[in-house]
Amino acid sequence: MRYAEILSHCDELDLKILAGLIRNARYADLSENLYISENTLKCRIKKLLSFSGGMSRKSLMTLAKKYINNMNP
């Protein structure tokens, strides 16, 4: 699955979660900063991975880094 297809399923919160994961934020810190529970955070990450068509978390993060870097030159 192409990254653009994965992103089509993302909302603003998902993109913020990806950005936090790229920064290696701890789940507790990331969920606090986004005003969501850790369980919600974990569910959203699982959702992103399910949209990726079996892509590993590492591969998803690699693609996310490229996308985030392209958005913030």
C-alpha atoms as a PDB file:
ATOM      1  CA  MET A   1       0.000   0.000   0.000  1.00  0.00           C
ATOM      2  CA  ARG A   2       1.296   3.431  -0.863  1.00  0.00           C
ATOM      3  CA  TYR A   3       1.771   6.008   1.847  1.00  0.00           C
ATOM      4  CA  ALA A   4      -0.739   8.383   0.221  1.00  0.00           C
ATOM      5  CA  GLU A   5      -3.395   5.695   0.644  1.00  0.00           C
ATOM      6  CA  ILE A   6      -2.509   5.320   4.317  1.00  0.00           C
ATOM      7  CA  LEU A   7      -2.673   9.078   4.814  1.00  0.00           C
ATOM      8  CA  SER A   8      -6.111   9.219   3.246  1.00  0.00           C
ATOM      9  CA  HIS A   9      -7.340   7.411   6.361  1.00  0.00           C
ATOM     10  CA  CYS A  10      -5.556   9.821   8.736  1.00  0.00           C
ATOM     11  CA  ASP A  11      -7.048  12.783  10.474  1.00  0.00           C
ATOM     12  CA  GLU A  12      -5.188  15.572  12.257  1.00  0.00           C
ATOM     13  CA  LEU A  13      -4.857  13.515  15.437  1.00  0.00           C
ATOM     14  CA  ASP A  14      -3.326  10.595  13.553  1.00  0.00           C
ATOM     15  CA  LEU A  15      -0.747  12.907  11.987  1.00  0.00           C
ATOM     16  CA  LYS A  16       0.107  14.327  15.411  1.00  0.00           C
ATOM     17  CA  ILE A  17       0.510  10.802  16.740  1.00  0.00           C
ATOM     18  CA  LEU A  18       2.853   9.919  13.881  1.00  0.00           C
ATOM     19  CA  ALA A  19       4.867  13.075  14.526  1.00  0.00           C
ATOM     20  CA  GLY A  20       5.152  12.174  18.204  1.00  0.00           C
ATOM     21  CA  LEU A  21       6.253   8.641  17.422  1.00  0.00           C
ATOM     22  CA  ILE A  22       8.896   9.988  15.062  1.00  0.00           C
ATOM     23  CA  ARG A  23      10.230  12.092  17.955  1.00  0.00           C
ATOM     24  CA  ASN A  24      10.320   8.886  20.030  1.00  0.00           C
ATOM     25  CA  ALA A  25       7.865  10.362  22.533  1.00  0.00           C
ATOM     26  CA  ARG A  26       6.770   8.012  25.277  1.00  0.00           C
ATOM     27  CA  TYR A  27       3.142   6.935  25.067  1.00  0.00           C
ATOM     28  CA  ALA A  28       2.360   8.558  28.426  1.00  0.00           C
ATOM     29  CA  ASP A  29       3.836  11.895  27.328  1.00  0.00           C
ATOM     30  CA  LEU A  30       2.287  11.799  23.884  1.00  0.00           C
ATOM     31  CA  SER A  31      -1.177  10.950  25.163  1.00  0.00           C
ATOM     32  CA  GLU A  32      -0.958  13.717  27.757  1.00  0.00           C
ATOM     33  CA  ASN A  33       0.144  16.280  25.173  1.00  0.00           C
ATOM     34  CA  LEU A  34      -2.674  15.261  22.822  1.00  0.00           C
ATOM     35  CA  TYR A  35      -5.293  15.131  25.596  1.00  0.00           C
ATOM     36  CA  ILE A  36      -6.170  11.506  24.943  1.00  0.00           C
ATOM     37  CA  SER A  37      -5.821   8.362  27.021  1.00  0.00           C
ATOM     38  CA  GLU A  38      -2.977   5.913  26.443  1.00  0.00           C
ATOM     39  CA  ASN A  39      -5.577   3.322  25.396  1.00  0.00           C
ATOM     40  CA  THR A  40      -6.907   5.707  22.750  1.00  0.00           C
ATOM     41  CA  LEU A  41      -3.351   6.317  21.559  1.00  0.00           C
ATOM     42  CA  LYS A  42      -2.685   2.580  21.283  1.00  0.00           C
ATOM     43  CA  CYS A  43      -5.949   2.044  19.393  1.00  0.00           C
ATOM     44  CA  ARG A  44      -5.108   4.823  16.945  1.00  0.00           C
ATOM     45  CA  ILE A  45      -1.648   3.327  16.336  1.00  0.00           C
ATOM     46  CA  LYS A  46      -3.214  -0.094  15.708  1.00  0.00           C
ATOM     47  CA  LYS A  47      -5.637   1.567  13.283  1.00  0.00           C
ATOM     48  CA  LEU A  48      -2.753   3.169  11.386  1.00  0.00           C
ATOM     49  CA  LEU A  49      -0.955  -0.151  11.173  1.00  0.00           C
ATOM     50  CA  SER A  50      -4.106  -1.890   9.947  1.00  0.00           C
ATOM     51  CA  PHE A  51      -4.498   0.689   7.163  1.00  0.00           C
ATOM     52  CA  SER A  52      -0.899   0.044   6.134  1.00  0.00           C
ATOM     53  CA  GLY A  53      -1.788  -3.436   4.904  1.00  0.00           C
ATOM     54  CA  GLY A  54       0.539  -5.343   7.192  1.00  0.00           C
ATOM     55  CA  MET A  55       3.396  -2.870   7.147  1.00  0.00           C
ATOM     56  CA  SER A  56       5.649  -3.050  10.191  1.00  0.00           C
ATOM     57  CA  ARG A  57       5.692  -0.172  12.651  1.00  0.00           C
ATOM     58  CA  LYS A  58       9.305   0.520  11.654  1.00  0.00           C
ATOM     59  CA  SER A  59       8.364   0.780   7.963  1.00  0.00           C
ATOM     60  CA  LEU A  60       5.415   3.006   8.783  1.00  0.00           C
ATOM     61  CA  MET A  61       7.703   5.307  10.802  1.00  0.00           C
ATOM     62  CA  THR A  62      10.200   5.459   7.926  1.00  0.00           C
ATOM     63  CA  LEU A  63       7.448   6.590   5.566  1.00  0.00           C
ATOM     64  CA  ALA A  64       6.049   8.995   8.143  1.00  0.00           C
ATOM     65  CA  LYS A  65       9.467  10.601   8.574  1.00  0.00           C
ATOM     66  CA  LYS A  66       9.635  11.276   4.838  1.00  0.00           C
ATOM     67  CA  TYR A  67       6.147  12.789   4.875  1.00  0.00           C
ATOM     68  CA  ILE A  68       6.698  14.923   7.992  1.00  0.00           C
ATOM     69  CA  ASN A  69      10.045  16.174   6.654  1.00  0.00           C
ATOM     70  CA  ASN A  70       8.428  17.113   3.329  1.00  0.00           C
ATOM     71  CA  MET A  71       5.727  19.084   5.139  1.00  0.00           C
ATOM     72  CA  ASN A  72       8.244  20.966   7.305  1.00  0.00           C
ATOM     73  CA  PRO A  73      11.161  21.953   5.020  1.00  0.00           C
END
